[in-house]
């Protein structure tokens, strides 16, 4: 069972803290926020484009651009390291 409102909360959080984080630290911070929200069952992080972009995870969430407009079936899970 997912946590659908989690992506809204993550977006609000990122919008509030992003200006306070140095540009060279944003990728790591954004990635950590994504990981934490997903660890707590948020499965809609693909909805938070600014956070995904700052984390450098566009290809992980949106593929290589061949996902149809409005299709939310793209993977929402981190790869296993």
Foldseek 3Di string as FASTA:
>chain_A
DADACLLVVLLVVCVVCVVVDDLVCQLVVLVVSLVVRVVVRHQQNLVNVVSCVSVVNCCQQPNPPPDDPPDRPRGRDDDDD
